[in-house]
Amino acid sequence: MTALYTEYYGMLLGFVLRYVRDRHRAEDLVQETLLRAWRHIDHLDTDPARVRSYLLTIARNVVTNAWRAEQRRPKLVSDEPAVDAASAPDSVDRLVEGWLVAEALGRLSAEHRAVVRAVYYEGRSVAEAARQLSVPEGTVKSRAYYAVRALRTAFEEMGVLR
């Protein structure tokens, strides 16, 4: 195998470079060619002309397979006007979710709604929410617990949760 590599690597690289412009890619394909030849080394003839022909046939198949694989892959778009012209994701789902949440919050009592707003939307700690709402921390915790349960029930009634 070392003798094959030493003797035929340059010739195979030149052959593959006719079809593949990227040198690194071409080197990978030559390595794949030699690997395939090594897997079937027992079929290799001792005549140098036949060895050369055999390796070139393998190289041609490797290049063809690589080209076919490349054609199956989607192409990256680098055209800025085309990227800018692509439609933006639809925000209808976010709007519907917002309406559902607003409807569910509307079904809560004012006390529960205030706790949910302070803790979950404004990101306040229990202590901060208690100071803001002028209630004990335990009350904030229990209102948050029951508010979340009431929201779950409201979402189930609206058919959002099962």
N, C-alpha and C. Protein backbone atom coordinates (compact mmCIF):
# COMPACT_ATOMS: atom_id res chain seq x y z
N MET A 1 0.83 -1.19 0.00
CA MET A 1 0.00 0.00 0.00
C MET A 1 0.87 1.25 0.00
N THR A 2 1.97 1.20 0.74
CA THR A 2 2.88 2.34 0.76
C THR A 2 3.46 2.59 -0.62
N ALA A 3 3.78 1.52 -1.32
CA ALA A 3 4.32 1.65 -2.67
C ALA A 3 3.27 2.25 -3.61
N LEU A 4 2.03 1.82 -3.47
CA LEU A 4 0.94 2.40 -4.29
C LEU A 4 0.83 3.90 -4.03
N TYR A 5 0.82 4.26 -2.76
CA TYR A 5 0.68 5.67 -2.38
C TYR A 5 1.84 6.48 -2.95
N THR A 6 3.04 6.00 -2.75
CA THR A 6 4.23 6.73 -3.19
C THR A 6 4.26 6.89 -4.70
N GLU A 7 3.91 5.83 -5.40
CA GLU A 7 4.04 5.84 -6.86
C GLU A 7 2.87 6.53 -7.56
N TYR A 8 1.66 6.41 -7.04
CA TYR A 8 0.49 6.86 -7.81
C TYR A 8 -0.24 8.07 -7.21
N TYR A 9 0.14 8.52 -6.03
CA TYR A 9 -0.58 9.63 -5.41
C TYR A 9 -0.58 10.88 -6.30
N GLY A 10 0.56 11.27 -6.78
CA GLY A 10 0.66 12.48 -7.62
C GLY A 10 -0.16 12.38 -8.88
N MET A 11 -0.10 11.22 -9.54
CA MET A 11 -0.87 11.01 -10.76
C MET A 11 -2.37 11.07 -10.47
N LEU A 12 -2.82 10.44 -9.37
CA LEU A 12 -4.23 10.46 -9.01
C LEU A 12 -4.70 11.87 -8.63
N LEU A 13 -3.84 12.60 -7.92
CA LEU A 13 -4.21 13.96 -7.54
C LEU A 13 -4.36 14.83 -8.78
N GLY A 14 -3.48 14.71 -9.73
CA GLY A 14 -3.60 15.47 -10.97
C GLY A 14 -4.88 15.11 -11.72
N PHE A 15 -5.21 13.83 -11.74
CA PHE A 15 -6.43 13.38 -12.42
C PHE A 15 -7.67 13.97 -11.75
N VAL A 16 -7.73 13.88 -10.42
CA VAL A 16 -8.91 14.36 -9.69
C VAL A 16 -9.01 15.88 -9.77
N LEU A 17 -7.87 16.57 -9.79
CA LEU A 17 -7.90 18.04 -9.86
C LEU A 17 -8.46 18.55 -11.18
N ARG A 18 -8.51 17.73 -12.19
CA ARG A 18 -9.15 18.14 -13.45
C ARG A 18 -10.65 18.33 -13.25
N TYR A 19 -11.21 17.61 -12.31
CA TYR A 19 -12.66 17.63 -12.10
C TYR A 19 -13.09 18.37 -10.84
N VAL A 20 -12.20 18.45 -9.88
CA VAL A 20 -12.50 19.11 -8.60
C VAL A 20 -11.53 20.26 -8.44
N ARG A 21 -12.04 21.46 -8.29
CA ARG A 21 -11.17 22.65 -8.23
C ARG A 21 -10.55 22.86 -6.85
N ASP A 22 -11.20 22.37 -5.82
CA ASP A 22 -10.72 22.55 -4.45
C ASP A 22 -9.67 21.49 -4.14
N ARG A 23 -8.43 21.95 -3.85
CA ARG A 23 -7.33 21.01 -3.65
C ARG A 23 -7.57 20.09 -2.44
N HIS A 24 -8.10 20.66 -1.36
CA HIS A 24 -8.35 19.84 -0.17
C HIS A 24 -9.39 18.76 -0.46
N ARG A 25 -10.41 19.12 -1.17
CA ARG A 25 -11.44 18.14 -1.56
C ARG A 25 -10.83 17.08 -2.47
N ALA A 26 -9.98 17.50 -3.39
CA ALA A 26 -9.32 16.55 -4.29
C ALA A 26 -8.44 15.59 -3.50
N GLU A 27 -7.71 16.08 -2.52
CA GLU A 27 -6.87 15.20 -1.70
C GLU A 27 -7.72 14.18 -0.95
N ASP A 28 -8.88 14.62 -0.46
CA ASP A 28 -9.78 13.69 0.22
C ASP A 28 -10.26 12.60 -0.74
N LEU A 29 -10.56 12.99 -1.97
CA LEU A 29 -11.03 12.01 -2.94
C LEU A 29 -9.92 11.03 -3.33
N VAL A 30 -8.70 11.50 -3.40
CA VAL A 30 -7.57 10.60 -3.69
C VAL A 30 -7.40 9.63 -2.52
N GLN A 31 -7.52 10.12 -1.32
CA GLN A 31 -7.43 9.23 -0.15
C GLN A 31 -8.53 8.17 -0.20
N GLU A 32 -9.74 8.57 -0.57
CA GLU A 32 -10.84 7.62 -0.70
C GLU A 32 -10.53 6.60 -1.79
N THR A 33 -9.93 7.05 -2.89
CA THR A 33 -9.55 6.14 -3.98
C THR A 33 -8.56 5.09 -3.48
N LEU A 34 -7.53 5.53 -2.80
CA LEU A 34 -6.51 4.60 -2.29
C LEU A 34 -7.09 3.68 -1.22
N LEU A 35 -8.02 4.18 -0.43
CA LEU A 35 -8.67 3.34 0.57
C LEU A 35 -9.48 2.23 -0.09
N ARG A 36 -10.21 2.57 -1.14
CA ARG A 36 -10.98 1.55 -1.86
C ARG A 36 -10.05 0.53 -2.53
N ALA A 37 -8.93 1.01 -3.08
CA ALA A 37 -7.96 0.09 -3.68
C ALA A 37 -7.39 -0.84 -2.62
N TRP A 38 -7.12 -0.31 -1.44
CA TRP A 38 -6.57 -1.12 -0.36
C TRP A 38 -7.55 -2.20 0.09
N ARG A 39 -8.86 -1.86 0.09
CA ARG A 39 -9.87 -2.84 0.49
C ARG A 39 -9.90 -4.04 -0.46
N HIS A 40 -9.52 -3.81 -1.72
CA HIS A 40 -9.53 -4.87 -2.73
C HIS A 40 -8.12 -5.11 -3.26
N ILE A 41 -7.15 -5.04 -2.40
CA ILE A 41 -5.75 -5.16 -2.80
C ILE A 41 -5.46 -6.55 -3.37
N ASP A 42 -6.24 -7.55 -2.99
CA ASP A 42 -6.02 -8.90 -3.50
C ASP A 42 -6.41 -9.01 -4.98
N HIS A 43 -7.21 -8.08 -5.50
CA HIS A 43 -7.59 -8.07 -6.92
C HIS A 43 -6.59 -7.31 -7.78
N LEU A 44 -5.62 -6.70 -7.16
CA LEU A 44 -4.68 -5.85 -7.86
C LEU A 44 -3.68 -6.69 -8.65
N ASP A 45 -3.50 -6.32 -9.90
CA ASP A 45 -2.55 -7.00 -10.79
C ASP A 45 -1.15 -6.43 -10.54
N THR A 46 -0.14 -7.18 -10.88
CA THR A 46 1.23 -6.71 -10.68
C THR A 46 1.72 -5.87 -11.85
N ASP A 47 1.03 -5.88 -12.95
CA ASP A 47 1.40 -5.09 -14.12
C ASP A 47 1.12 -3.61 -13.83
N PRO A 48 2.15 -2.74 -13.92
CA PRO A 48 1.97 -1.32 -13.59
C PRO A 48 0.91 -0.63 -14.46
N ALA A 49 0.77 -1.02 -15.71
CA ALA A 49 -0.24 -0.40 -16.58
C ALA A 49 -1.64 -0.74 -16.09
N ARG A 50 -1.84 -1.95 -15.63
CA ARG A 50 -3.15 -2.36 -15.13
C ARG A 50 -3.45 -1.71 -13.78
N VAL A 51 -2.43 -1.56 -12.95
CA VAL A 51 -2.61 -0.91 -11.66
C VAL A 51 -3.05 0.54 -11.88
N ARG A 52 -2.38 1.22 -12.80
CA ARG A 52 -2.72 2.61 -13.11
C ARG A 52 -4.15 2.70 -13.62
N SER A 53 -4.51 1.81 -14.53
CA SER A 53 -5.87 1.80 -15.08
C SER A 53 -6.90 1.53 -13.98
N TYR A 54 -6.59 0.57 -13.11
CA TYR A 54 -7.48 0.21 -12.02
C TYR A 54 -7.69 1.40 -11.08
N LEU A 55 -6.62 2.07 -10.72
CA LEU A 55 -6.71 3.22 -9.82
C LEU A 55 -7.46 4.39 -10.46
N LEU A 56 -7.24 4.61 -11.75
CA LEU A 56 -7.97 5.68 -12.43
C LEU A 56 -9.47 5.38 -12.51
N THR A 57 -9.80 4.12 -12.68
CA THR A 57 -11.22 3.74 -12.71
C THR A 57 -11.86 3.99 -11.35
N ILE A 58 -11.15 3.61 -10.29
CA ILE A 58 -11.67 3.86 -8.95
C ILE A 58 -11.80 5.36 -8.70
N ALA A 59 -10.80 6.12 -9.11
CA ALA A 59 -10.83 7.58 -8.92
C ALA A 59 -12.00 8.20 -9.67
N ARG A 60 -12.24 7.73 -10.89
CA ARG A 60 -13.37 8.25 -11.66
C ARG A 60 -14.68 7.97 -10.93
N ASN A 61 -14.84 6.76 -10.38
CA ASN A 61 -16.05 6.41 -9.65
C ASN A 61 -16.20 7.24 -8.38
N VAL A 62 -15.09 7.47 -7.69
CA VAL A 62 -15.13 8.28 -6.47
C VAL A 62 -15.54 9.72 -6.79
N VAL A 63 -14.97 10.28 -7.85
CA VAL A 63 -15.31 11.65 -8.26
C VAL A 63 -16.78 11.72 -8.68
N THR A 64 -17.23 10.74 -9.42
CA THR A 64 -18.63 10.72 -9.86
C THR A 64 -19.57 10.63 -8.67
N ASN A 65 -19.26 9.76 -7.73
CA ASN A 65 -20.09 9.63 -6.54
C ASN A 65 -20.12 10.92 -5.72
N ALA A 66 -18.97 11.56 -5.60
CA ALA A 66 -18.91 12.83 -4.86
C ALA A 66 -19.73 13.90 -5.56
N TRP A 67 -19.66 13.94 -6.88
CA TRP A 67 -20.43 14.93 -7.63
C TRP A 67 -21.93 14.68 -7.45
N ARG A 68 -22.34 13.43 -7.52
CA ARG A 68 -23.76 13.10 -7.35
C ARG A 68 -24.23 13.45 -5.94
N ALA A 69 -23.41 13.16 -4.95
CA ALA A 69 -23.79 13.50 -3.58
C ALA A 69 -23.92 15.01 -3.41
N GLU A 70 -23.04 15.75 -4.05
CA GLU A 70 -23.08 17.21 -3.97
C GLU A 70 -24.33 17.77 -4.63
N GLN A 71 -24.78 17.14 -5.71
CA GLN A 71 -25.96 17.61 -6.41
C GLN A 71 -27.23 17.40 -5.58
N ARG A 72 -27.21 16.43 -4.68
CA ARG A 72 -28.38 16.16 -3.85
C ARG A 72 -28.50 17.14 -2.70
N ARG A 73 -27.41 17.76 -2.30
CA ARG A 73 -27.43 18.70 -1.17
C ARG A 73 -28.01 20.03 -1.61
N PRO A 74 -28.79 20.66 -0.75
CA PRO A 74 -29.30 21.98 -1.10
C PRO A 74 -28.17 23.00 -1.16
N LYS A 75 -28.30 23.95 -2.05
CA LYS A 75 -27.29 24.99 -2.22
C LYS A 75 -27.56 26.14 -1.26
N LEU A 76 -26.51 26.71 -0.73
CA LEU A 76 -26.64 27.89 0.12
C LEU A 76 -26.82 29.12 -0.76
N VAL A 77 -27.73 29.97 -0.36
CA VAL A 77 -27.99 31.19 -1.11
C VAL A 77 -27.09 32.28 -0.56
N SER A 78 -26.29 32.86 -1.43
CA SER A 78 -25.42 33.95 -0.98
C SER A 78 -25.84 35.27 -1.63
N ASP A 79 -26.94 35.25 -2.31
CA ASP A 79 -27.45 36.43 -3.01
C ASP A 79 -28.27 37.26 -2.01
N GLU A 80 -27.75 38.38 -1.57
CA GLU A 80 -28.41 39.21 -0.56
C GLU A 80 -29.81 39.66 -0.96
N PRO A 81 -30.03 40.12 -2.21
CA PRO A 81 -31.41 40.50 -2.57
C PRO A 81 -32.38 39.32 -2.47
N ALA A 82 -31.92 38.12 -2.79
CA ALA A 82 -32.80 36.95 -2.70
C ALA A 82 -33.12 36.64 -1.24
N VAL A 83 -32.12 36.78 -0.38
CA VAL A 83 -32.35 36.53 1.05
C VAL A 83 -33.29 37.59 1.62
N ASP A 84 -33.10 38.84 1.23
CA ASP A 84 -33.97 39.91 1.71
C ASP A 84 -35.40 39.77 1.20
N ALA A 85 -35.56 39.20 0.00
CA ALA A 85 -36.88 39.05 -0.58
C ALA A 85 -37.64 37.87 0.01
N ALA A 86 -36.96 36.98 0.70
CA ALA A 86 -37.64 35.83 1.30
C ALA A 86 -38.62 36.33 2.35
N SER A 87 -39.75 35.67 2.41
CA SER A 87 -40.78 36.12 3.33
C SER A 87 -40.37 35.87 4.77
N ALA A 88 -40.79 36.75 5.63
CA ALA A 88 -40.50 36.63 7.07
C ALA A 88 -41.46 35.61 7.67
N PRO A 89 -41.07 34.98 8.77
CA PRO A 89 -41.96 34.02 9.40
C PRO A 89 -43.26 34.70 9.82
N ASP A 90 -44.32 33.97 9.71
CA ASP A 90 -45.64 34.50 10.02
C ASP A 90 -45.79 34.64 11.54
N SER A 91 -46.32 35.77 11.98
CA SER A 91 -46.45 36.01 13.42
C SER A 91 -47.88 35.74 13.90
N VAL A 92 -48.67 35.05 13.12
CA VAL A 92 -50.05 34.78 13.50
C VAL A 92 -50.11 33.92 14.76
N ASP A 93 -49.21 32.92 14.85
CA ASP A 93 -49.22 32.06 16.03
C ASP A 93 -48.96 32.85 17.30
N ARG A 94 -48.01 33.78 17.24
CA ARG A 94 -47.73 34.59 18.43
C ARG A 94 -48.92 35.46 18.80
N LEU A 95 -49.61 36.00 17.80
CA LEU A 95 -50.79 36.82 18.08
C LEU A 95 -51.89 36.00 18.74
N VAL A 96 -52.13 34.81 18.21
CA VAL A 96 -53.17 33.95 18.77
C VAL A 96 -52.81 33.56 20.20
N GLU A 97 -51.54 33.20 20.43
CA GLU A 97 -51.12 32.85 21.79
C GLU A 97 -51.30 34.04 22.73
N GLY A 98 -50.99 35.25 22.26
CA GLY A 98 -51.18 36.44 23.08
C GLY A 98 -52.63 36.64 23.44
N TRP A 99 -53.52 36.44 22.48
CA TRP A 99 -54.95 36.58 22.75
C TRP A 99 -55.43 35.52 23.75
N LEU A 100 -54.93 34.30 23.60
CA LEU A 100 -55.33 33.24 24.52
C LEU A 100 -54.85 33.53 25.93
N VAL A 101 -53.63 33.99 26.08
CA VAL A 101 -53.11 34.32 27.40
C VAL A 101 -53.88 35.49 28.00
N ALA A 102 -54.17 36.51 27.20
CA ALA A 102 -54.93 37.66 27.69
C ALA A 102 -56.32 37.22 28.14
N GLU A 103 -56.95 36.34 27.37
CA GLU A 103 -58.28 35.84 27.74
C GLU A 103 -58.21 35.05 29.04
N ALA A 104 -57.20 34.19 29.18
CA ALA A 104 -57.06 33.39 30.39
C ALA A 104 -56.77 34.29 31.59
N LEU A 105 -55.92 35.29 31.43
CA LEU A 105 -55.63 36.22 32.53
C LEU A 105 -56.87 37.01 32.92
N GLY A 106 -57.71 37.31 31.93
CA GLY A 106 -58.96 38.02 32.22
C GLY A 106 -59.91 37.22 33.08
N ARG A 107 -59.78 35.92 33.10
CA ARG A 107 -60.64 35.06 33.91
C ARG A 107 -60.17 34.96 35.37
N LEU A 108 -58.99 35.49 35.67
CA LEU A 108 -58.46 35.45 37.03
C LEU A 108 -59.02 36.61 37.84
N SER A 109 -58.98 36.46 39.16
CA SER A 109 -59.35 37.58 40.03
C SER A 109 -58.27 38.65 39.93
N ALA A 110 -58.58 39.85 40.36
CA ALA A 110 -57.62 40.96 40.27
C ALA A 110 -56.38 40.68 41.12
N GLU A 111 -56.55 40.04 42.28
CA GLU A 111 -55.42 39.74 43.15
C GLU A 111 -54.48 38.73 42.49
N HIS A 112 -55.07 37.68 41.93
CA HIS A 112 -54.26 36.67 41.25
C HIS A 112 -53.55 37.25 40.02
N ARG A 113 -54.27 38.07 39.28
CA ARG A 113 -53.69 38.69 38.09
C ARG A 113 -52.51 39.58 38.47
N ALA A 114 -52.61 40.31 39.56
CA ALA A 114 -51.52 41.19 40.01
C ALA A 114 -50.29 40.38 40.39
N VAL A 115 -50.49 39.26 41.06
CA VAL A 115 -49.36 38.41 41.44
C VAL A 115 -48.70 37.81 40.20
N VAL A 116 -49.50 37.33 39.27
CA VAL A 116 -48.94 36.75 38.03
C VAL A 116 -48.15 37.81 37.28
N ARG A 117 -48.69 39.00 37.19
CA ARG A 117 -47.98 40.08 36.48
C ARG A 117 -46.65 40.39 37.17
N ALA A 118 -46.67 40.51 38.49
CA ALA A 118 -45.46 40.88 39.22
C ALA A 118 -44.40 39.78 39.17
N VAL A 119 -44.81 38.55 39.41
CA VAL A 119 -43.84 37.46 39.51
C VAL A 119 -43.40 36.95 38.15
N TYR A 120 -44.35 36.70 37.25
CA TYR A 120 -44.00 36.03 36.00
C TYR A 120 -43.68 36.99 34.85
N TYR A 121 -44.36 38.13 34.79
CA TYR A 121 -44.09 39.06 33.69
C TYR A 121 -43.01 40.08 34.03
N GLU A 122 -43.04 40.59 35.25
CA GLU A 122 -42.05 41.58 35.63
C GLU A 122 -40.80 40.96 36.23
N GLY A 123 -40.85 39.67 36.53
CA GLY A 123 -39.69 38.94 37.03
C GLY A 123 -39.29 39.29 38.45
N ARG A 124 -40.22 39.73 39.23
CA ARG A 124 -39.92 40.10 40.62
C ARG A 124 -39.83 38.84 41.49
N SER A 125 -39.03 38.94 42.54
CA SER A 125 -38.97 37.84 43.51
C SER A 125 -40.24 37.89 44.36
N VAL A 126 -40.44 36.86 45.15
CA VAL A 126 -41.62 36.82 46.02
C VAL A 126 -41.58 37.98 47.00
N ALA A 127 -40.39 38.26 47.54
CA ALA A 127 -40.27 39.37 48.50
C ALA A 127 -40.57 40.71 47.84
N GLU A 128 -40.06 40.92 46.65
CA GLU A 128 -40.31 42.18 45.94
C GLU A 128 -41.78 42.33 45.59
N ALA A 129 -42.40 41.23 45.12
CA ALA A 129 -43.82 41.27 44.79
C ALA A 129 -44.65 41.55 46.04
N ALA A 130 -44.25 40.96 47.18
CA ALA A 130 -44.98 41.20 48.43
C ALA A 130 -44.90 42.66 48.82
N ARG A 131 -43.72 43.26 48.70
CA ARG A 131 -43.59 44.69 49.02
C ARG A 131 -44.41 45.54 48.08
N GLN A 132 -44.37 45.22 46.79
CA GLN A 132 -45.10 46.01 45.79
C GLN A 132 -46.60 45.92 46.01
N LEU A 133 -47.10 44.74 46.34
CA LEU A 133 -48.54 44.53 46.50
C LEU A 133 -49.03 44.76 47.92
N SER A 134 -48.09 45.01 48.84
CA SER A 134 -48.41 45.26 50.26
C SER A 134 -49.15 44.08 50.89
N VAL A 135 -48.63 42.89 50.64
CA VAL A 135 -49.18 41.67 51.24
C VAL A 135 -48.02 40.83 51.75
N PRO A 136 -48.27 39.89 52.66
CA PRO A 136 -47.18 39.02 53.13
C PRO A 136 -46.65 38.11 52.02
N GLU A 137 -45.40 37.64 52.20
CA GLU A 137 -44.79 36.77 51.19
C GLU A 137 -45.56 35.47 51.02
N GLY A 138 -46.06 34.93 52.09
CA GLY A 138 -46.85 33.69 52.02
C GLY A 138 -48.09 33.87 51.16
N THR A 139 -48.67 35.04 51.22
CA THR A 139 -49.86 35.32 50.42
C THR A 139 -49.49 35.37 48.94
N VAL A 140 -48.33 35.94 48.63
CA VAL A 140 -47.87 35.99 47.24
C VAL A 140 -47.66 34.57 46.72
N LYS A 141 -47.04 33.73 47.56
CA LYS A 141 -46.80 32.34 47.14
C LYS A 141 -48.09 31.59 46.89
N SER A 142 -49.04 31.71 47.80
CA SER A 142 -50.29 30.97 47.63
C SER A 142 -51.10 31.53 46.46
N ARG A 143 -51.11 32.85 46.29
CA ARG A 143 -51.84 33.41 45.15
C ARG A 143 -51.21 32.99 43.82
N ALA A 144 -49.88 32.92 43.79
CA ALA A 144 -49.21 32.47 42.57
C ALA A 144 -49.56 31.01 42.28
N TYR A 145 -49.58 30.18 43.31
CA TYR A 145 -49.91 28.77 43.14
C TYR A 145 -51.34 28.62 42.59
N TYR A 146 -52.28 29.29 43.23
CA TYR A 146 -53.68 29.16 42.81
C TYR A 146 -53.94 29.85 41.47
N ALA A 147 -53.19 30.89 41.18
CA ALA A 147 -53.34 31.57 39.89
C ALA A 147 -52.89 30.65 38.75
N VAL A 148 -51.79 29.95 38.95
CA VAL A 148 -51.31 29.04 37.92
C VAL A 148 -52.31 27.91 37.72
N ARG A 149 -52.88 27.40 38.80
CA ARG A 149 -53.91 26.36 38.67
C ARG A 149 -55.13 26.89 37.93
N ALA A 150 -55.54 28.13 38.23
CA ALA A 150 -56.69 28.72 37.55
C ALA A 150 -56.39 28.95 36.07
N LEU A 151 -55.15 29.35 35.77
CA LEU A 151 -54.77 29.53 34.36
C LEU A 151 -54.82 28.20 33.62
N ARG A 152 -54.35 27.15 34.25
CA ARG A 152 -54.40 25.82 33.62
C ARG A 152 -55.86 25.44 33.33
N THR A 153 -56.73 25.67 34.28
CA THR A 153 -58.14 25.35 34.09
C THR A 153 -58.73 26.19 32.95
N ALA A 154 -58.37 27.47 32.91
CA ALA A 154 -58.88 28.35 31.85
C ALA A 154 -58.38 27.88 30.48
N PHE A 155 -57.12 27.49 30.39
CA PHE A 155 -56.59 27.00 29.12
C PHE A 155 -57.26 25.70 28.71
N GLU A 156 -57.55 24.84 29.69
CA GLU A 156 -58.25 23.59 29.37
C GLU A 156 -59.65 23.87 28.86
N GLU A 157 -60.33 24.83 29.47
CA GLU A 157 -61.68 25.19 29.03
C GLU A 157 -61.66 25.77 27.61
N MET A 158 -60.57 26.48 27.27
CA MET A 158 -60.47 27.08 25.93
C MET A 158 -59.98 26.06 24.91
N GLY A 159 -59.62 24.86 25.38
CA GLY A 159 -59.18 23.82 24.45
C GLY A 159 -57.70 23.89 24.10
N VAL A 160 -56.94 24.68 24.86
CA VAL A 160 -55.51 24.82 24.57
C VAL A 160 -54.73 23.66 25.19
N LEU A 161 -55.05 23.29 26.41
CA LEU A 161 -54.37 22.18 27.09
C LEU A 161 -55.32 21.01 27.21
N ARG A 162 -54.77 19.83 27.31
CA ARG A 162 -55.59 18.63 27.47
C ARG A 162 -55.22 17.93 28.73
